[in-house]
C-alpha atoms as a PDB file:
ATOM      1  CA  MET A   1      23.023  -5.086  12.171  1.00  0.00           C
ATOM      2  CA  LYS A   2      20.330  -3.403  13.622  1.00  0.00           C
ATOM      3  CA  ILE A   3      16.988  -5.547  14.168  1.00  0.00           C
ATOM      4  CA  ALA A   4      13.978  -3.612  15.910  1.00  0.00           C
ATOM      5  CA  GLY A   5      10.125  -4.820  16.346  1.00  0.00           C
ATOM      6  CA  VAL A   6       8.362  -2.751  16.634  1.00  0.00           C
ATOM      7  CA  VAL A   7       5.361  -3.826  18.252  1.00  0.00           C
ATOM      8  CA  VAL A   8       1.300  -1.566  17.543  1.00  0.00           C
ATOM      9  CA  THR A   9      -0.632  -1.974  21.282  1.00  0.00           C
ATOM     10  CA  TYR A  10      -3.887  -0.418  23.082  1.00  0.00           C
ATOM     11  CA  ASN A  11      -5.350  -1.664  25.794  1.00  0.00           C
ATOM     12  CA  ARG A  12      -3.859  -5.002  25.879  1.00  0.00           C
ATOM     13  CA  LYS A  13      -1.510  -4.721  29.170  1.00  0.00           C
ATOM     14  CA  GLU A  14      -1.029  -8.706  29.643  1.00  0.00           C
ATOM     15  CA  GLU A  15      -0.731  -9.810  26.202  1.00  0.00           C
ATOM     16  CA  LEU A  16       1.399  -7.292  25.554  1.00  0.00           C
ATOM     17  CA  LYS A  17       3.599  -8.589  28.279  1.00  0.00           C
ATOM     18  CA  LYS A  18       3.819 -12.004  26.901  1.00  0.00           C
ATOM     19  CA  LEU A  19       4.812 -10.921  24.059  1.00  0.00           C
ATOM     20  CA  ILE A  20       7.935  -9.475  24.933  1.00  0.00           C
ATOM     21  CA  GLU A  21       8.307 -11.938  26.835  1.00  0.00           C
ATOM     22  CA  SER A  22       8.270 -13.554  24.501  1.00  0.00           C
ATOM     23  CA  VAL A  23      10.908 -11.577  22.386  1.00  0.00           C
ATOM     24  CA  LEU A  24      13.432 -11.319  24.849  1.00  0.00           C
ATOM     25  CA  ASN A  25      13.192 -14.583  25.469  1.00  0.00           C
ATOM     26  CA  SER A  26      14.133 -15.698  22.069  1.00  0.00           C
ATOM     27  CA  THR A  27      16.627 -16.798  19.931  1.00  0.00           C
ATOM     28  CA  LYS A  28      17.438 -13.879  18.663  1.00  0.00           C
ATOM     29  CA  PRO A  29      16.461 -10.662  21.326  1.00  0.00           C
ATOM     30  CA  ILE A  30      16.270  -7.612  19.702  1.00  0.00           C
ATOM     31  CA  ASP A  31      15.385  -4.215  20.828  1.00  0.00           C
ATOM     32  CA  LEU A  32      11.490  -3.602  21.131  1.00  0.00           C
ATOM     33  CA  ILE A  33       9.828  -0.031  20.328  1.00  0.00           C
ATOM     34  CA  VAL A  34       6.417  -0.300  21.886  1.00  0.00           C
ATOM     35  CA  VAL A  35       4.466   1.865  20.013  1.00  0.00           C
ATOM     36  CA  ASP A  36       0.812   2.730  22.545  1.00  0.00           C
ATOM     37  CA  ASN A  37      -1.878   4.177  21.030  1.00  0.00           C
ATOM     38  CA  ALA A  38      -3.175   6.093  24.087  1.00  0.00           C
ATOM     39  CA  SER A  39      -4.672   3.362  25.956  1.00  0.00           C
ATOM     40  CA  ASN A  40      -5.498   4.073  29.345  1.00  0.00           C
ATOM     41  CA  TYR A  41      -2.990   2.210  31.626  1.00  0.00           C
ATOM     42  CA  ASP A  42      -0.105   3.215  32.870  1.00  0.00           C
ATOM     43  CA  ILE A  43       2.409   1.238  30.327  1.00  0.00           C
ATOM     44  CA  GLU A  44       5.251   2.786  31.441  1.00  0.00           C
ATOM     45  CA  SER A  45       4.554   1.466  35.086  1.00  0.00           C
ATOM     46  CA  GLU A  46       4.324  -2.032  33.549  1.00  0.00           C
ATOM     47  CA  LEU A  47       7.519  -1.757  30.775  1.00  0.00           C
ATOM     48  CA  LYS A  48       9.057  -1.099  33.965  1.00  0.00           C
ATOM     49  CA  PRO A  49      10.508  -5.006  34.686  1.00  0.00           C
ATOM     50  CA  TYR A  50      11.491  -4.554  30.197  1.00  0.00           C
ATOM     51  CA  PRO A  51      14.355  -1.946  30.624  1.00  0.00           C
ATOM     52  CA  THR A  52      15.206  -2.232  27.137  1.00  0.00           C
ATOM     53  CA  VAL A  53      12.505  -1.482  26.105  1.00  0.00           C
ATOM     54  CA  GLN A  54      11.261   2.043  23.947  1.00  0.00           C
ATOM     55  CA  LEU A  55       8.457   3.355  24.894  1.00  0.00           C
ATOM     56  CA  LEU A  56       6.837   5.552  22.096  1.00  0.00           C
ATOM     57  CA  LYS A  57       3.311   6.991  23.210  1.00  0.00           C
ATOM     58  CA  MET A  58       0.537   8.721  20.976  1.00  0.00           C
ATOM     59  CA  ASN A  59      -1.559  10.782  22.717  1.00  0.00           C
ATOM     60  CA  ALA A  60      -4.681   9.745  21.039  1.00  0.00           C
ATOM     61  CA  ASN A  61      -5.539   6.000  19.390  1.00  0.00           C
ATOM     62  CA  LEU A  62      -4.578   6.011  15.667  1.00  0.00           C
ATOM     63  CA  GLY A  63      -5.766   2.247  15.133  1.00  0.00           C
ATOM     64  CA  PRO A  64      -2.937  -0.144  13.770  1.00  0.00           C
ATOM     65  CA  ALA A  65      -1.727   1.956  11.004  1.00  0.00           C
ATOM     66  CA  GLY A  66      -1.695   5.435  12.531  1.00  0.00           C
ATOM     67  CA  GLY A  67       0.388   3.465  14.931  1.00  0.00           C
ATOM     68  CA  ALA A  68       3.067   1.454  12.667  1.00  0.00           C
ATOM     69  CA  GLU A  69       3.771   4.239  10.699  1.00  0.00           C
ATOM     70  CA  ALA A  70       5.496   6.376  13.615  1.00  0.00           C
ATOM     71  CA  GLY A  71       6.587   3.414  15.192  1.00  0.00           C
ATOM     72  CA  GLN A  72       8.758   2.958  11.447  1.00  0.00           C
ATOM     73  CA  LYS A  73       9.597   6.053  11.480  1.00  0.00           C
ATOM     74  CA  PHE A  74      11.287   5.879  14.613  1.00  0.00           C
ATOM     75  CA  ALA A  75      13.408   3.382  14.285  1.00  0.00           C
ATOM     76  CA  TYR A  76      14.461   4.321  10.098  1.00  0.00           C
ATOM     77  CA  GLU A  77      15.463   7.827  12.458  1.00  0.00           C
ATOM     78  CA  LYS A  78      17.296   5.461  14.714  1.00  0.00           C
ATOM     79  CA  GLY A  79      19.572   3.818  12.040  1.00  0.00           C
ATOM     80  CA  TYR A  80      17.465   0.501  12.342  1.00  0.00           C
ATOM     81  CA  ASP A  81      18.861  -1.849   9.582  1.00  0.00           C
ATOM     82  CA  PHE A  82      15.498  -3.529   9.938  1.00  0.00           C
ATOM     83  CA  VAL A  83      11.321  -3.851  11.285  1.00  0.00           C
ATOM     84  CA  TRP A  84       9.874  -6.627  12.265  1.00  0.00           C
ATOM     85  CA  MET A  85       5.800  -6.003  12.703  1.00  0.00           C
ATOM     86  CA  LEU A  86       4.119  -7.827  15.617  1.00  0.00           C
ATOM     87  CA  ASP A  87       1.153  -7.357  16.754  1.00  0.00           C
ATOM     88  CA  ASP A  88       0.740  -6.984  20.592  1.00  0.00           C
ATOM     89  CA  ASP A  89      -0.905  -9.924  21.042  1.00  0.00           C
ATOM     90  CA  ALA A  90       1.134 -12.218  19.314  1.00  0.00           C
ATOM     91  CA  LEU A  91       3.795 -14.645  20.863  1.00  0.00           C
ATOM     92  CA  VAL A  92       6.623 -15.390  18.194  1.00  0.00           C
ATOM     93  CA  ALA A  93       8.177 -19.381  18.651  1.00  0.00           C
ATOM     94  CA  PRO A  94      11.550 -19.032  19.774  1.00  0.00           C
ATOM     95  CA  ASN A  95      13.448 -19.405  16.747  1.00  0.00           C
ATOM     96  CA  ALA A  96      11.312 -17.244  15.006  1.00  0.00           C
ATOM     97  CA  LEU A  97      13.818 -14.378  14.217  1.00  0.00           C
ATOM     98  CA  GLU A  98      16.435 -16.331  13.544  1.00  0.00           C
ATOM     99  CA  GLU A  99      14.806 -18.572  10.632  1.00  0.00           C
ATOM    100  CA  LEU A 100      14.158 -15.166   9.132  1.00  0.00           C
ATOM    101  CA  LEU A 101      17.242 -13.895   9.045  1.00  0.00           C
ATOM    102  CA  LYS A 102      18.501 -17.651   7.970  1.00  0.00           C
ATOM    103  CA  TYR A 103      16.983 -17.424   4.910  1.00  0.00           C
ATOM    104  CA  TYR A 104      16.827 -13.090   3.872  1.00  0.00           C
ATOM    105  CA  PRO A 105      20.865 -12.983   3.092  1.00  0.00           C
ATOM    106  CA  LEU A 106      19.826 -15.902   0.854  1.00  0.00           C
ATOM    107  CA  LEU A 107      16.797 -14.683  -0.817  1.00  0.00           C
ATOM    108  CA  LYS A 108      18.065 -11.436  -1.336  1.00  0.00           C
ATOM    109  CA  GLU A 109      21.553 -13.040  -3.594  1.00  0.00           C
ATOM    110  CA  LYS A 110      18.406 -14.965  -5.806  1.00  0.00           C
ATOM    111  CA  TYR A 111      16.246 -12.452  -6.059  1.00  0.00           C
ATOM    112  CA  GLY A 112      17.727  -8.848  -5.353  1.00  0.00           C
ATOM    113  CA  LYS A 113      15.130  -6.885  -3.065  1.00  0.00           C
ATOM    114  CA  VAL A 114      13.297  -8.612  -0.971  1.00  0.00           C
ATOM    115  CA  PHE A 115      10.965  -8.318   1.995  1.00  0.00           C
ATOM    116  CA  LEU A 116      10.321 -11.302   4.662  1.00  0.00           C
ATOM    117  CA  ALA A 117       7.020 -12.289   6.237  1.00  0.00           C
ATOM    118  CA  SER A 118       6.726 -15.051   9.420  1.00  0.00           C
ATOM    119  CA  ILE A 119       3.201 -17.162   9.087  1.00  0.00           C
ATOM    120  CA  TYR A 120       0.552 -17.073  10.862  1.00  0.00           C
ATOM    121  CA  VAL A 121      -0.008 -20.286  13.476  1.00  0.00           C
ATOM    122  CA  GLY A 122      -3.369 -20.833  15.164  1.00  0.00           C
ATOM    123  CA  ALA A 123      -2.080 -22.993  18.332  1.00  0.00           C
ATOM    124  CA  LEU A 124       0.737 -22.192  21.204  1.00  0.00           C
ATOM    125  CA  ASP A 125       2.865 -25.289  20.290  1.00  0.00           C
ATOM    126  CA  PHE A 126       2.984 -23.252  16.948  1.00  0.00           C
ATOM    127  CA  THR A 127       1.417 -25.809  14.936  1.00  0.00           C
ATOM    128  CA  LYS A 128      -2.333 -24.887  12.469  1.00  0.00           C
ATOM    129  CA  PRO A 129      -1.132 -22.449  10.171  1.00  0.00           C
ATOM    130  CA  PHE A 130      -3.876 -19.573   9.342  1.00  0.00           C
ATOM    131  CA  TYR A 131      -2.950 -20.154   5.476  1.00  0.00           C
ATOM    132  CA  ASN A 132      -3.813 -16.279   5.302  1.00  0.00           C
ATOM    133  CA  ILE A 133      -1.077 -15.131   2.565  1.00  0.00           C
ATOM    134  CA  LEU A 134      -2.031 -14.867  -0.372  1.00  0.00           C
ATOM    135  CA  ARG A 135      -1.568 -14.622  -4.604  1.00  0.00           C
ATOM    136  CA  TYR A 136      -3.405 -11.261  -5.782  1.00  0.00           C
ATOM    137  CA  ASN A 137      -4.721 -10.220  -8.911  1.00  0.00           C
ATOM    138  CA  PRO A 138      -3.424  -7.665 -11.108  1.00  0.00           C
ATOM    139  CA  LYS A 139      -5.840  -6.676 -12.773  1.00  0.00           C
ATOM    140  CA  THR A 140      -9.080  -8.055 -11.061  1.00  0.00           C
ATOM    141  CA  GLY A 141      -8.062  -6.760  -7.229  1.00  0.00           C
ATOM    142  CA  LEU A 142      -8.913 -10.359  -6.274  1.00  0.00           C
ATOM    143  CA  THR A 143      -7.142 -12.618  -4.325  1.00  0.00           C
ATOM    144  CA  ILE A 144      -6.204 -16.317  -3.549  1.00  0.00           C
ATOM    145  CA  LYS A 145      -5.702 -18.916  -0.903  1.00  0.00           C
ATOM    146  CA  ILE A 146      -2.326 -20.197  -1.336  1.00  0.00           C
ATOM    147  CA  ASP A 147      -2.255 -23.479  -1.377  1.00  0.00           C
ATOM    148  CA  GLU A 148      -1.100 -25.107   1.725  1.00  0.00           C
ATOM    149  CA  LYS A 149       1.213 -27.086  -0.006  1.00  0.00           C
ATOM    150  CA  GLU A 150       3.866 -24.275   0.013  1.00  0.00           C
ATOM    151  CA  PHE A 151       4.023 -23.449   3.269  1.00  0.00           C
ATOM    152  CA  GLU A 152       6.151 -27.087   3.722  1.00  0.00           C
ATOM    153  CA  LYS A 153       8.166 -25.548   1.120  1.00  0.00           C
ATOM    154  CA  PRO A 154      11.523 -23.997   2.969  1.00  0.00           C
ATOM    155  CA  TYR A 155       9.837 -20.841   2.079  1.00  0.00           C
ATOM    156  CA  PHE A 156       7.214 -18.749  -0.748  1.00  0.00           C
ATOM    157  CA  GLU A 157       6.797 -16.245  -2.115  1.00  0.00           C
ATOM    158  CA  PHE A 158       3.166 -14.228  -1.536  1.00  0.00           C
ATOM    159  CA  ASP A 159       1.204 -10.824  -3.451  1.00  0.00           C
ATOM    160  CA  ILE A 160      -0.558 -10.230   0.062  1.00  0.00           C
ATOM    161  CA  ALA A 161       0.035 -10.837   3.797  1.00  0.00           C
ATOM    162  CA  PRO A 162      -0.724  -9.470   7.020  1.00  0.00           C
ATOM    163  CA  MET A 163       1.366  -6.645   9.028  1.00  0.00           C
ATOM    164  CA  ASN A 164       1.951  -9.096  12.048  1.00  0.00           C
ATOM    165  CA  GLY A 165       4.502 -10.438  11.204  1.00  0.00           C
ATOM    166  CA  LEU A 166       6.386  -8.013   8.402  1.00  0.00           C
ATOM    167  CA  PHE A 167      10.460  -8.575   8.254  1.00  0.00           C
ATOM    168  CA  LEU A 168      11.396  -5.099   6.275  1.00  0.00           C
ATOM    169  CA  PRO A 169      14.523  -4.015   5.555  1.00  0.00           C
ATOM    170  CA  ARG A 170      15.581  -0.741   5.408  1.00  0.00           C
ATOM    171  CA  GLU A 171      15.851  -0.737   1.606  1.00  0.00           C
ATOM    172  CA  LEU A 172      12.028  -0.948   0.983  1.00  0.00           C
ATOM    173  CA  LEU A 173      11.507   1.579   4.000  1.00  0.00           C
ATOM    174  CA  SER A 174      13.493   4.205   3.084  1.00  0.00           C
ATOM    175  CA  THR A 175      12.447   3.496  -1.438  1.00  0.00           C
ATOM    176  CA  CYS A 176       8.549   2.460  -0.676  1.00  0.00           C
ATOM    177  CA  GLY A 177       8.012   4.800   2.852  1.00  0.00           C
ATOM    178  CA  PHE A 178       6.232   3.609   5.555  1.00  0.00           C
ATOM    179  CA  PHE A 179       2.092   2.671   6.647  1.00  0.00           C
ATOM    180  CA  ASP A 180      -0.459   4.613   5.197  1.00  0.00           C
ATOM    181  CA  GLY A 181      -1.777   6.254   8.657  1.00  0.00           C
ATOM    182  CA  ARG A 182      -4.696   7.192   7.174  1.00  0.00           C
ATOM    183  CA  LEU A 183      -5.864   4.516   6.395  1.00  0.00           C
ATOM    184  CA  TRP A 184      -6.014   3.792  10.379  1.00  0.00           C
ATOM    185  CA  GLY A 185      -6.362  -0.120   9.825  1.00  0.00           C
ATOM    186  CA  TRP A 186      -7.121  -3.069   7.843  1.00  0.00           C
ATOM    187  CA  TYR A 187      -6.015  -3.381   4.829  1.00  0.00           C
ATOM    188  CA  ASP A 188      -3.098  -0.953   5.220  1.00  0.00           C
ATOM    189  CA  ASP A 189      -0.809  -4.070   4.905  1.00  0.00           C
ATOM    190  CA  THR A 190      -2.171  -4.591   2.505  1.00  0.00           C
ATOM    191  CA  GLU A 191      -1.647  -1.302   0.800  1.00  0.00           C
ATOM    192  CA  PHE A 192       1.660  -1.374   2.127  1.00  0.00           C
ATOM    193  CA  VAL A 193       2.186  -5.109   0.342  1.00  0.00           C
ATOM    194  CA  LEU A 194       1.014  -3.754  -3.511  1.00  0.00           C
ATOM    195  CA  ARG A 195       3.151  -0.633  -2.427  1.00  0.00           C
ATOM    196  CA  ALA A 196       6.161  -3.009  -1.729  1.00  0.00           C
ATOM    197  CA  ARG A 197       5.731  -5.134  -4.273  1.00  0.00           C
ATOM    198  CA  LYS A 198       5.029  -2.315  -7.180  1.00  0.00           C
ATOM    199  CA  ALA A 199       8.495  -0.642  -6.593  1.00  0.00           C
ATOM    200  CA  GLY A 200      10.626  -4.199  -7.514  1.00  0.00           C
ATOM    201  CA  PHE A 201      10.410  -5.955  -4.244  1.00  0.00           C
ATOM    202  CA  LYS A 202       9.945  -9.761  -2.980  1.00  0.00           C
ATOM    203  CA  GLY A 203       7.569 -10.684  -0.799  1.00  0.00           C
ATOM    204  CA  ILE A 204       8.716 -14.122   0.744  1.00  0.00           C
ATOM    205  CA  ALA A 205       7.092 -15.350   3.349  1.00  0.00           C
ATOM    206  CA  VAL A 206       9.712 -18.038   6.041  1.00  0.00           C
ATOM    207  CA  PRO A 207       6.504 -20.989   6.965  1.00  0.00           C
ATOM    208  CA  SER A 208       9.473 -21.977   9.161  1.00  0.00           C
ATOM    209  CA  SER A 209       9.173 -18.131  10.931  1.00  0.00           C
ATOM    210  CA  ARG A 210       6.572 -19.047  12.842  1.00  0.00           C
ATOM    211  CA  ILE A 211       4.571 -16.590  15.477  1.00  0.00           C
ATOM    212  CA  TYR A 212       1.271 -17.360  17.432  1.00  0.00           C
ATOM    213  CA  HIS A 213      -2.323 -15.137  16.701  1.00  0.00           C
ATOM    214  CA  PRO A 214      -5.814 -15.769  18.686  1.00  0.00           C
ATOM    215  CA  ILE A 215      -8.711 -16.002  16.393  1.00  0.00           C
ATOM    216  CA  GLU A 216     -10.881 -13.694  17.951  1.00  0.00           C
ATOM    217  CA  TYR A 217     -13.399 -11.262  16.308  1.00  0.00           C
ATOM    218  CA  ARG A 218     -13.949 -14.684  13.570  1.00  0.00           C
ATOM    219  CA  LYS A 219     -15.548 -17.112  13.115  1.00  0.00           C
ATOM    220  CA  GLN A 220     -15.797 -19.787   9.458  1.00  0.00           C
ATOM    221  CA  VAL A 221     -18.091 -21.290   7.863  1.00  0.00           C
ATOM    222  CA  LYS A 222     -17.926 -24.228   4.623  1.00  0.00           C
ATOM    223  CA  ILE A 223     -19.516 -22.886   1.709  1.00  0.00           C
ATOM    224  CA  LEU A 224     -19.342 -26.188  -1.410  1.00  0.00           C
ATOM    225  CA  GLY A 225     -16.748 -27.483   0.300  1.00  0.00           C
ATOM    226  CA  ARG A 226     -14.599 -24.237   1.230  1.00  0.00           C
ATOM    227  CA  THR A 227     -13.860 -22.608   4.350  1.00  0.00           C
ATOM    228  CA  PHE A 228     -14.049 -19.191   4.712  1.00  0.00           C
ATOM    229  CA  THR A 229     -13.751 -17.051   7.645  1.00  0.00           C
ATOM    230  CA  LEU A 230     -15.714 -13.696   8.635  1.00  0.00           C
ATOM    231  CA  LEU A 231     -15.801 -10.953  11.532  1.00  0.00           C
ATOM    232  CA  SER A 232     -17.689 -12.007  14.099  1.00  0.00           C
ATOM    233  CA  GLY A 233     -17.478  -8.605  15.610  1.00  0.00           C
ATOM    234  CA  ARG A 234     -16.984  -5.278  16.194  1.00  0.00           C
ATOM    235  CA  PRO A 235     -18.898  -3.826  12.549  1.00  0.00           C
ATOM    236  CA  PHE A 236     -16.906  -0.818  12.545  1.00  0.00           C
ATOM    237  CA  ARG A 237     -13.648  -3.621  11.650  1.00  0.00           C
ATOM    238  CA  MET A 238     -16.945  -3.945   8.037  1.00  0.00           C
ATOM    239  CA  TYR A 239     -17.019  -0.395   7.681  1.00  0.00           C
ATOM    240  CA  LEU A 240     -12.695  -0.005   7.638  1.00  0.00           C
ATOM    241  CA  GLY A 241     -12.077  -3.409   5.609  1.00  0.00           C
ATOM    242  CA  THR A 242     -14.762  -2.131   3.264  1.00  0.00           C
ATOM    243  CA  ARG A 243     -14.104   1.582   2.377  1.00  0.00           C
ATOM    244  CA  ASN A 244     -10.326   0.842   2.845  1.00  0.00           C
ATOM    245  CA  ASN A 245     -10.199  -2.175   0.118  1.00  0.00           C
ATOM    246  CA  ILE A 246     -12.003  -0.383  -2.387  1.00  0.00           C
ATOM    247  CA  ILE A 247      -9.141   2.855  -1.356  1.00  0.00           C
ATOM    248  CA  VAL A 248      -6.363   0.392  -2.322  1.00  0.00           C
ATOM    249  CA  GLN A 249      -8.212  -1.195  -5.229  1.00  0.00           C
ATOM    250  CA  LYS A 250      -8.768   1.913  -7.065  1.00  0.00           C
ATOM    251  CA  LYS A 251      -5.242   2.854  -5.822  1.00  0.00           C
ATOM    252  CA  PHE A 252      -4.165  -0.270  -7.673  1.00  0.00           C
ATOM    253  CA  LEU A 253      -6.556  -1.267 -10.861  1.00  0.00           C
ATOM    254  CA  LYS A 254      -6.715   0.073 -13.861  1.00  0.00           C
ATOM    255  CA  PRO A 255      -9.899   2.141 -13.585  1.00  0.00           C
ATOM    256  CA  LEU A 256     -12.048  -0.047 -15.815  1.00  0.00           C
ATOM    257  CA  ASN A 257     -10.906  -2.771 -13.642  1.00  0.00           C
ATOM    258  CA  PHE A 258     -11.943  -1.567 -10.517  1.00  0.00           C
ATOM    259  CA  TYR A 259     -15.325  -0.491 -11.642  1.00  0.00           C
ATOM    260  CA  PHE A 260     -16.459  -3.626 -13.821  1.00  0.00           C
ATOM    261  CA  ILE A 261     -14.909  -6.095 -11.531  1.00  0.00           C
ATOM    262  CA  PHE A 262     -13.597  -6.507  -8.920  1.00  0.00           C
ATOM    263  CA  LEU A 263     -16.088  -3.062  -7.148  1.00  0.00           C
ATOM    264  CA  PRO A 264     -19.198  -4.849  -8.223  1.00  0.00           C
ATOM    265  CA  VAL A 265     -17.838  -8.475  -7.514  1.00  0.00           C
ATOM    266  CA  PHE A 266     -16.699  -7.941  -4.160  1.00  0.00           C
ATOM    267  CA  THR A 267     -19.750  -6.117  -2.990  1.00  0.00           C
ATOM    268  CA  ILE A 268     -22.280  -8.963  -3.861  1.00  0.00           C
ATOM    269  CA  LYS A 269     -19.808 -11.498  -2.545  1.00  0.00           C
ATOM    270  CA  ARG A 270     -20.131  -9.097   1.051  1.00  0.00           C
ATOM    271  CA  PHE A 271     -23.526  -8.312   0.972  1.00  0.00           C
ATOM    272  CA  ILE A 272     -24.134 -12.356   0.648  1.00  0.00           C
ATOM    273  CA  SER A 273     -21.533 -13.086   3.255  1.00  0.00           C
ATOM    274  CA  ILE A 274     -22.887 -10.585   5.509  1.00  0.00           C
ATOM    275  CA  VAL A 275     -26.777 -11.676   4.735  1.00  0.00           C
ATOM    276  CA  PHE A 276     -25.725 -15.094   5.184  1.00  0.00           C
ATOM    277  CA  PHE A 277     -24.268 -15.299   8.460  1.00  0.00           C
ATOM    278  CA  TYR A 278     -23.202 -12.274   9.541  1.00  0.00           C
ATOM    279  CA  GLU A 279     -25.982 -11.789  13.414  1.00  0.00           C
ATOM    280  CA  ASN A 280     -26.615  -8.129  13.628  1.00  0.00           C
ATOM    281  CA  LYS A 281     -27.209  -8.069  10.049  1.00  0.00           C
ATOM    282  CA  SER A 282     -28.307  -4.615   9.924  1.00  0.00           C
ATOM    283  CA  VAL A 283     -25.342  -3.161  11.813  1.00  0.00           C
ATOM    284  CA  PHE A 284     -23.356  -4.658   9.875  1.00  0.00           C
ATOM    285  CA  LEU A 285     -25.071  -3.939   6.254  1.00  0.00           C
ATOM    286  CA  LYS A 286     -25.349  -0.308   7.531  1.00  0.00           C
ATOM    287  CA  ASN A 287     -21.431  -0.228   8.247  1.00  0.00           C
ATOM    288  CA  PHE A 288     -21.606  -1.963   4.945  1.00  0.00           C
ATOM    289  CA  PHE A 289     -22.336   0.622   2.574  1.00  0.00           C
ATOM    290  CA  ARG A 290     -20.984   3.592   4.628  1.00  0.00           C
ATOM    291  CA  GLY A 291     -18.132   2.500   3.798  1.00  0.00           C
ATOM    292  CA  ILE A 292     -18.698   1.712   0.152  1.00  0.00           C
ATOM    293  CA  ILE A 293     -19.593   5.492  -0.326  1.00  0.00           C
ATOM    294  CA  ASP A 294     -17.019   7.030   1.733  1.00  0.00           C
ATOM    295  CA  GLY A 295     -13.886   4.377  -0.129  1.00  0.00           C
ATOM    296  CA  LEU A 296     -15.991   6.033  -4.009  1.00  0.00           C
ATOM    297  CA  ARG A 297     -14.778   9.281  -2.230  1.00  0.00           C
ATOM    298  CA  GLY A 298     -12.038   8.813  -0.824  1.00  0.00           C
ATOM    299  CA  ASN A 299     -12.841   9.779   3.126  1.00  0.00           C
ATOM    300  CA  LEU A 300      -9.927   9.034   5.090  1.00  0.00           C
ATOM    301  CA  LYS A 301     -11.574  10.935   7.718  1.00  0.00           C
ATOM    302  CA  GLY A 302     -13.262   9.452  10.905  1.00  0.00           C
ATOM    303  CA  LYS A 303     -11.854   8.417  15.006  1.00  0.00           C
ATOM    304  CA  PHE A 304     -12.717   4.933  15.752  1.00  0.00           C
ATOM    305  CA  ALA A 305     -11.118   4.034  19.502  1.00  0.00           C
END
């Protein structure tokens, strides 16, 4: 059984090396494919201490989605049976992959077509889950957090999960294809997971498989007892997140549901969050409205390096 960890990186030299070491020192070391999105340092020299790591260099920054697409295609063509998607600033728990491999045959026998996900944690001792794996309403396009008690179970089904930690069998890639690199980044993982689920694959999270991921460019606010996470830096993320979310929901929702439920609710909620909780409101609002326009037009052009 051949397993490849696919890591998309851009100018994170030290973080990348820590991620590589965490994977190579785990209880189930695997092949690593590093997709370099045209970083501005000598990555070949930095990777010399890791001779088993395969480097796939891009000529430009294709974003997380473009890098993921390239890495998945490369792994697929090399004949790997599974692809484990990893962020370059993450750290895997020593037994993270071992736990996925323990549950995969059981879940495949139970459900048939499945793909798995590790869970994010926000502490270096691999505690404090993010709870950023979500439920999705196929009628409204809206998401809600999964109850925290689900994370105490051996596994649970999800509708939406981030790219980092997705454990994808070859069967899924041959059926559904790869990440859509045209999205560049943000909601590219949502599009891929929804596409996989539409093709009949169940997404199953395994809480005992844990990946540390830093909380950067985010801040949390409490409203009526509920905690919401907001982007607090890099306004272009607001543009991409808005544009891509609209493009993805327009693809998967019925037209009436998209225009009369999702779009007004999404627009109002995000507008209010920017006005009341964001710094540099004018910059974020500009990116927000530009994202709405390009999302409705399906405009996927632009460079964001």
